[in-house]
């Protein structure tokens, strides 16, 4: 490669590293992360339901784990919650704050449930780097079903009686 071509290539690399050429298209906007706004609970025939209402954006992937104790994300500290056993639910990408860092969920970080057969308490256990974690304290280990619904976005957690 000639010296002139090498210099031209180096100049292009420097321009790109410095933020691009004037008039080039703006960088793509950060992806929208759905934000939790409320937590609702309900007693249904055969199961208790906990619903995390989310703002618009892509539906998060959800997972859960039955565990003997809950830990806070990211600190790893034990979260003390009423219950004999616990269900740890994670939604990704999701948060309990907006892009500016302002809380979108203003309810209690942990609360006891009323009139539910198995779920005794709910706690927000993590809101870190696009991972939203919620823990449930339950009376007994039973079947759990976690899924999402859209229009509007929701994470639904069903815990059998």
C-alpha atoms as a PDB file:
ATOM      1  CA  UNK A   1       0.000   0.000   0.000  1.00  0.00           C
ATOM      2  CA  UNK A   2       1.334   3.437  -0.878  1.00  0.00           C
ATOM      3  CA  UNK A   3       2.181   6.038   1.743  1.00  0.00           C
ATOM      4  CA  UNK A   4      -0.652   8.284   0.515  1.00  0.00           C
ATOM      5  CA  UNK A   5      -3.231   5.491   0.899  1.00  0.00           C
ATOM      6  CA  UNK A   6      -1.895   4.670   4.375  1.00  0.00           C
ATOM      7  CA  UNK A   7      -2.178   8.318   5.450  1.00  0.00           C
ATOM      8  CA  UNK A   8      -5.727   8.562   4.053  1.00  0.00           C
ATOM      9  CA  UNK A   9      -6.710   5.364   5.875  1.00  0.00           C
ATOM     10  CA  UNK A  10      -5.154   6.652   9.110  1.00  0.00           C
ATOM     11  CA  UNK A  11      -7.076   9.934   8.761  1.00  0.00           C
ATOM     12  CA  UNK A  12     -10.378   8.050   8.325  1.00  0.00           C
ATOM     13  CA  UNK A  13      -9.626   5.896  11.372  1.00  0.00           C
ATOM     14  CA  UNK A  14      -8.858   9.017  13.448  1.00  0.00           C
ATOM     15  CA  UNK A  15     -12.074  10.736  12.312  1.00  0.00           C
ATOM     16  CA  UNK A  16     -14.152   7.693  13.201  1.00  0.00           C
ATOM     17  CA  UNK A  17     -12.445   7.373  16.587  1.00  0.00           C
ATOM     18  CA  UNK A  18     -13.078  11.058  17.296  1.00  0.00           C
ATOM     19  CA  UNK A  19     -16.803  10.764  16.739  1.00  0.00           C
ATOM     20  CA  UNK A  20     -17.292  10.490  13.029  1.00  0.00           C
ATOM     21  CA  UNK A  21     -17.411  12.852  10.110  1.00  0.00           C
ATOM     22  CA  UNK A  22     -19.524  15.996  10.384  1.00  0.00           C
ATOM     23  CA  UNK A  23     -22.939  15.417   8.923  1.00  0.00           C
ATOM     24  CA  UNK A  24     -22.814  11.647   9.507  1.00  0.00           C
ATOM     25  CA  UNK A  25     -25.933  10.015  10.954  1.00  0.00           C
ATOM     26  CA  UNK A  26     -26.278  10.120  14.742  1.00  0.00           C
ATOM     27  CA  UNK A  27     -25.503   7.006  16.688  1.00  0.00           C
ATOM     28  CA  UNK A  28     -28.439   4.690  17.274  1.00  0.00           C
ATOM     29  CA  UNK A  29     -30.486   5.481  20.376  1.00  0.00           C
ATOM     30  CA  UNK A  30     -30.120   3.188  23.366  1.00  0.00           C
ATOM     31  CA  UNK A  31     -32.720   0.395  23.418  1.00  0.00           C
ATOM     32  CA  UNK A  32     -35.889   1.039  25.390  1.00  0.00           C
ATOM     33  CA  UNK A  33     -35.985  -0.910  28.646  1.00  0.00           C
ATOM     34  CA  UNK A  34     -39.495  -1.513  30.025  1.00  0.00           C
ATOM     35  CA  UNK A  35     -39.879  -0.002  33.495  1.00  0.00           C
ATOM     36  CA  UNK A  36     -42.020  -1.471  36.277  1.00  0.00           C
ATOM     37  CA  UNK A  37     -44.777   0.876  37.427  1.00  0.00           C
ATOM     38  CA  UNK A  38     -46.893  -1.222  39.810  1.00  0.00           C
ATOM     39  CA  UNK A  39     -47.138  -4.616  41.488  1.00  0.00           C
ATOM     40  CA  UNK A  40     -50.606  -6.152  41.789  1.00  0.00           C
ATOM     41  CA  UNK A  41     -51.706  -9.330  43.582  1.00  0.00           C
ATOM     42  CA  UNK A  42     -54.826 -11.470  43.327  1.00  0.00           C
ATOM     43  CA  UNK A  43     -56.305 -14.716  44.601  1.00  0.00           C
ATOM     44  CA  UNK A  44     -57.641 -16.975  41.856  1.00  0.00           C
ATOM     45  CA  UNK A  45     -59.163 -20.448  41.933  1.00  0.00           C
ATOM     46  CA  UNK A  46     -56.180 -22.769  42.406  1.00  0.00           C
ATOM     47  CA  UNK A  47     -53.401 -20.139  42.329  1.00  0.00           C
ATOM     48  CA  UNK A  48     -52.199 -16.771  43.611  1.00  0.00           C
ATOM     49  CA  UNK A  49     -51.208 -14.234  40.961  1.00  0.00           C
ATOM     50  CA  UNK A  50     -48.604 -11.463  41.193  1.00  0.00           C
ATOM     51  CA  UNK A  51     -48.444  -9.047  38.236  1.00  0.00           C
ATOM     52  CA  UNK A  52     -45.621  -6.602  37.497  1.00  0.00           C
ATOM     53  CA  UNK A  53     -46.992  -3.833  35.267  1.00  0.00           C
ATOM     54  CA  UNK A  54     -44.366  -2.480  32.852  1.00  0.00           C
ATOM     55  CA  UNK A  55     -44.092   0.494  30.531  1.00  0.00           C
ATOM     56  CA  UNK A  56     -43.830   0.058  26.765  1.00  0.00           C
ATOM     57  CA  UNK A  57     -40.855  -1.540  25.087  1.00  0.00           C
ATOM     58  CA  UNK A  58     -39.874  -5.073  24.203  1.00  0.00           C
ATOM     59  CA  UNK A  59     -41.329  -7.792  26.405  1.00  0.00           C
ATOM     60  CA  UNK A  60     -38.593  -9.009  28.757  1.00  0.00           C
ATOM     61  CA  UNK A  61     -37.377 -12.573  29.034  1.00  0.00           C
ATOM     62  CA  UNK A  62     -38.389 -14.031  32.389  1.00  0.00           C
ATOM     63  CA  UNK A  63     -37.083 -16.816  34.581  1.00  0.00           C
ATOM     64  CA  UNK A  64     -37.597 -18.013  38.130  1.00  0.00           C
ATOM     65  CA  UNK A  65     -35.879 -20.117  40.734  1.00  0.00           C
ATOM     66  CA  UNK A  66     -37.247 -21.802  43.851  1.00  0.00           C
ATOM     67  CA  UNK A  67     -34.856 -21.082  46.701  1.00  0.00           C
ATOM     68  CA  UNK A  68     -34.431 -21.280  50.471  1.00  0.00           C
ATOM     69  CA  UNK A  69     -33.473 -17.597  50.772  1.00  0.00           C
ATOM     70  CA  UNK A  70     -33.561 -14.422  48.711  1.00  0.00           C
ATOM     71  CA  UNK A  71     -30.542 -12.232  48.027  1.00  0.00           C
ATOM     72  CA  UNK A  72     -30.390  -8.634  46.851  1.00  0.00           C
ATOM     73  CA  UNK A  73     -28.955  -7.934  43.398  1.00  0.00           C
ATOM     74  CA  UNK A  74     -26.175  -6.773  43.112  1.00  0.00           C
ATOM     75  CA  UNK A  75     -25.049  -6.750  46.786  1.00  0.00           C
ATOM     76  CA  UNK A  76     -25.763 -10.405  47.543  1.00  0.00           C
ATOM     77  CA  UNK A  77     -27.122  -9.498  50.991  1.00  0.00           C
ATOM     78  CA  UNK A  78     -29.941 -11.640  52.377  1.00  0.00           C
ATOM     79  CA  UNK A  79     -33.422 -10.157  51.898  1.00  0.00           C
ATOM     80  CA  UNK A  80     -35.548 -10.979  54.930  1.00  0.00           C
ATOM     81  CA  UNK A  81     -39.096 -11.731  53.849  1.00  0.00           C
ATOM     82  CA  UNK A  82     -42.052 -13.559  55.380  1.00  0.00           C
ATOM     83  CA  UNK A  83     -42.309 -17.089  53.991  1.00  0.00           C
ATOM     84  CA  UNK A  84     -41.204 -20.697  54.442  1.00  0.00           C
ATOM     85  CA  UNK A  85     -39.825 -20.898  50.896  1.00  0.00           C
ATOM     86  CA  UNK A  86     -39.055 -18.337  48.240  1.00  0.00           C
ATOM     87  CA  UNK A  87     -39.453 -17.744  44.517  1.00  0.00           C
ATOM     88  CA  UNK A  88     -36.899 -15.477  42.834  1.00  0.00           C
ATOM     89  CA  UNK A  89     -38.176 -14.021  39.528  1.00  0.00           C
ATOM     90  CA  UNK A  90     -35.936 -12.159  37.070  1.00  0.00           C
ATOM     91  CA  UNK A  91     -37.015 -10.086  34.056  1.00  0.00           C
ATOM     92  CA  UNK A  92     -34.447  -8.949  31.466  1.00  0.00           C
ATOM     93  CA  UNK A  93     -34.382  -6.285  30.100  1.00  0.00           C
ATOM     94  CA  UNK A  94     -36.497  -4.500  32.695  1.00  0.00           C
ATOM     95  CA  UNK A  95     -35.992  -1.929  35.451  1.00  0.00           C
ATOM     96  CA  UNK A  96     -37.793  -0.076  38.236  1.00  0.00           C
ATOM     97  CA  UNK A  97     -36.420   3.287  37.083  1.00  0.00           C
ATOM     98  CA  UNK A  98     -36.391   5.375  33.917  1.00  0.00           C
ATOM     99  CA  UNK A  99     -33.409   6.253  31.700  1.00  0.00           C
ATOM    100  CA  UNK A 100     -32.627   9.275  33.909  1.00  0.00           C
ATOM    101  CA  UNK A 101     -32.508   7.082  37.017  1.00  0.00           C
ATOM    102  CA  UNK A 102     -35.825   8.283  38.458  1.00  0.00           C
ATOM    103  CA  UNK A 103     -37.927   5.571  40.099  1.00  0.00           C
ATOM    104  CA  UNK A 104     -40.913   4.374  38.084  1.00  0.00           C
ATOM    105  CA  UNK A 105     -42.072   1.999  40.806  1.00  0.00           C
ATOM    106  CA  UNK A 106     -42.938   4.085  43.848  1.00  0.00           C
ATOM    107  CA  UNK A 107     -44.686   1.417  45.880  1.00  0.00           C
ATOM    108  CA  UNK A 108     -43.165  -0.293  48.906  1.00  0.00           C
ATOM    109  CA  UNK A 109     -39.965  -2.251  48.214  1.00  0.00           C
ATOM    110  CA  UNK A 110     -41.415  -5.104  50.266  1.00  0.00           C
ATOM    111  CA  UNK A 111     -44.901  -5.853  51.502  1.00  0.00           C
ATOM    112  CA  UNK A 112     -47.052  -8.620  52.957  1.00  0.00           C
ATOM    113  CA  UNK A 113     -49.913  -9.798  50.811  1.00  0.00           C
ATOM    114  CA  UNK A 114     -53.496  -9.956  52.016  1.00  0.00           C
ATOM    115  CA  UNK A 115     -55.989 -12.740  51.356  1.00  0.00           C
ATOM    116  CA  UNK A 116     -53.642 -14.928  49.271  1.00  0.00           C
ATOM    117  CA  UNK A 117     -53.529 -18.653  49.967  1.00  0.00           C
ATOM    118  CA  UNK A 118     -49.811 -19.315  49.340  1.00  0.00           C
ATOM    119  CA  UNK A 119     -47.944 -16.060  48.602  1.00  0.00           C
ATOM    120  CA  UNK A 120     -47.233 -14.329  51.914  1.00  0.00           C
ATOM    121  CA  UNK A 121     -45.024 -11.409  50.841  1.00  0.00           C
ATOM    122  CA  UNK A 122     -43.397  -9.704  47.833  1.00  0.00           C
ATOM    123  CA  UNK A 123     -40.086  -7.794  47.621  1.00  0.00           C
ATOM    124  CA  UNK A 124     -38.198  -5.979  44.886  1.00  0.00           C
ATOM    125  CA  UNK A 125     -34.792  -7.629  45.297  1.00  0.00           C
ATOM    126  CA  UNK A 126     -32.885  -6.095  42.393  1.00  0.00           C
ATOM    127  CA  UNK A 127     -32.891  -3.299  39.844  1.00  0.00           C
ATOM    128  CA  UNK A 128     -29.452  -3.372  38.270  1.00  0.00           C
ATOM    129  CA  UNK A 129     -28.150  -3.082  34.699  1.00  0.00           C
ATOM    130  CA  UNK A 130     -31.393  -4.068  32.984  1.00  0.00           C
ATOM    131  CA  UNK A 131     -32.161  -6.941  35.356  1.00  0.00           C
ATOM    132  CA  UNK A 132     -35.242  -6.580  37.531  1.00  0.00           C
ATOM    133  CA  UNK A 133     -35.603  -9.140  40.340  1.00  0.00           C
ATOM    134  CA  UNK A 134     -38.643  -9.740  42.525  1.00  0.00           C
ATOM    135  CA  UNK A 135     -38.875 -12.269  45.338  1.00  0.00           C
ATOM    136  CA  UNK A 136     -41.973 -13.955  46.725  1.00  0.00           C
ATOM    137  CA  UNK A 137     -42.263 -15.518  50.169  1.00  0.00           C
ATOM    138  CA  UNK A 138     -44.559 -18.567  50.026  1.00  0.00           C
ATOM    139  CA  UNK A 139     -46.080 -20.988  52.561  1.00  0.00           C
ATOM    140  CA  UNK A 140     -45.321 -24.134  50.572  1.00  0.00           C
ATOM    141  CA  UNK A 141     -43.360 -25.276  47.539  1.00  0.00           C
ATOM    142  CA  UNK A 142     -45.864 -25.646  44.738  1.00  0.00           C
ATOM    143  CA  UNK A 143     -46.008 -25.215  40.986  1.00  0.00           C
ATOM    144  CA  UNK A 144     -44.952 -21.813  39.657  1.00  0.00           C
ATOM    145  CA  UNK A 145     -45.663 -20.399  36.202  1.00  0.00           C
ATOM    146  CA  UNK A 146     -43.969 -17.181  35.064  1.00  0.00           C
ATOM    147  CA  UNK A 147     -44.747 -15.563  31.709  1.00  0.00           C
ATOM    148  CA  UNK A 148     -45.179 -12.201  29.968  1.00  0.00           C
ATOM    149  CA  UNK A 149     -48.186 -10.532  28.399  1.00  0.00           C
ATOM    150  CA  UNK A 150     -48.095  -7.575  26.031  1.00  0.00           C
ATOM    151  CA  UNK A 151     -50.289  -4.577  25.163  1.00  0.00           C
ATOM    152  CA  UNK A 152     -49.666  -3.499  27.907  1.00  0.00           C
ATOM    153  CA  UNK A 153     -46.465  -5.244  29.045  1.00  0.00           C
ATOM    154  CA  UNK A 154     -46.768  -7.377  32.161  1.00  0.00           C
ATOM    155  CA  UNK A 155     -44.815 -10.071  33.955  1.00  0.00           C
ATOM    156  CA  UNK A 156     -47.235 -12.589  35.439  1.00  0.00           C
ATOM    157  CA  UNK A 157     -46.290 -14.942  38.284  1.00  0.00           C
ATOM    158  CA  UNK A 158     -48.793 -17.684  39.167  1.00  0.00           C
ATOM    159  CA  UNK A 159     -48.140 -19.714  42.322  1.00  0.00           C
ATOM    160  CA  UNK A 160     -50.377 -22.750  42.931  1.00  0.00           C
ATOM    161  CA  UNK A 161     -52.222 -23.105  46.251  1.00  0.00           C
END
